[in-house]
Protein backbone atom coordinates (compact mmCIF):
# COMPACT_ATOMS: atom_id res chain seq x y z
CA MET A 1 -1.55 -7.73 12.93
CA SER A 2 1.87 -6.80 11.77
CA LEU A 3 2.78 -2.89 12.05
CA HIS A 4 5.02 -1.64 9.01
CA GLU A 5 5.67 2.45 9.06
CA PHE A 6 7.06 3.23 5.43
CA PRO A 7 8.88 6.53 5.06
CA LEU A 8 8.12 8.76 1.73
CA GLU A 9 10.95 9.84 -0.19
CA GLY A 10 8.69 11.94 -2.48
CA ASP A 11 5.71 13.05 -2.98
CA TYR A 12 3.70 9.90 -3.33
CA VAL A 13 4.52 5.96 -3.82
CA GLU A 14 2.37 3.98 -6.23
CA LEU A 15 0.02 1.61 -4.21
CA ASN A 16 1.67 -1.73 -6.06
CA ILE A 17 5.01 -0.13 -5.49
CA LEU A 18 4.33 0.31 -1.32
CA LEU A 19 3.17 -3.42 -1.35
CA LYS A 20 6.50 -4.81 -3.16
CA LEU A 21 8.94 -2.08 -0.82
CA THR A 22 6.97 -3.09 2.37
CA GLY A 23 7.23 -6.73 1.70
CA ILE A 24 4.10 -7.59 1.58
CA ALA A 25 3.91 -8.37 -2.60
CA GLY A 26 6.68 -9.90 -4.20
CA SER A 27 6.77 -7.57 -7.14
CA GLY A 28 4.82 -5.17 -8.54
CA GLY A 29 2.82 -7.03 -10.32
CA GLU A 30 1.68 -8.89 -7.54
CA GLY A 31 0.73 -5.79 -5.68
CA LYS A 32 -1.23 -4.83 -8.50
CA HIS A 33 -2.98 -7.87 -8.67
CA LEU A 34 -3.62 -7.97 -4.87
CA VAL A 35 -5.23 -3.98 -5.64
CA ALA A 36 -7.33 -5.67 -8.38
CA GLU A 37 -8.62 -8.39 -6.37
CA GLY A 38 -9.84 -5.88 -3.55
CA LEU A 39 -8.35 -6.53 -1.59
CA VAL A 40 -6.47 -2.98 -0.24
CA LYS A 41 -8.10 -0.35 1.42
CA VAL A 42 -6.51 3.00 2.28
CA ASP A 43 -7.92 5.13 4.77
CA GLY A 44 -10.71 1.79 5.95
CA MET A 45 -11.53 1.76 1.94
CA VAL A 46 -11.22 -0.96 -0.87
CA GLU A 47 -8.88 1.04 -3.16
CA LEU A 48 -9.01 -0.66 -6.68
CA ARG A 49 -6.65 2.29 -8.70
CA LYS A 50 -3.27 0.08 -8.58
CA THR A 51 -1.06 2.81 -9.26
CA PHE A 52 -2.83 5.51 -6.03
CA LYS A 53 -1.03 8.10 -5.21
CA VAL A 54 -0.45 6.72 -2.18
CA ARG A 55 1.25 9.88 0.28
CA ALA A 56 1.97 10.79 3.64
CA GLY A 57 -0.50 10.30 6.59
CA HIS A 58 -2.17 8.00 4.50
CA VAL A 59 -2.64 4.45 6.12
CA VAL A 60 -2.29 1.29 4.40
CA THR A 61 -4.62 -2.31 5.32
CA ILE A 62 -4.14 -5.98 3.70
CA GLY A 63 -5.32 -8.57 5.25
CA ASP A 64 -3.63 -8.34 9.09
CA GLU A 65 -0.79 -6.21 7.14
CA THR A 66 -1.22 -2.23 8.14
CA ILE A 67 0.97 0.20 6.54
CA ARG A 68 1.96 3.52 7.92
CA VAL A 69 3.01 6.14 5.43
CA VAL A 70 4.87 8.69 7.35
CA GLN A 71 7.00 11.98 5.48
């Protein structure tokens, strides 16, 4: 299991972009595909909205990768 800590610079980051910025997805488009496939969870629940607004405190998981979003 790999843990990433992502420092948020604004109010939120879109889910597909977060996957790109952390290196889990090679592009925003690939991030959208991963979300559409139902592979991404936010706070333990499958999230299908590609542009879901991820805010500080959210925990995003995909496979054995975990992203903790911090302010």
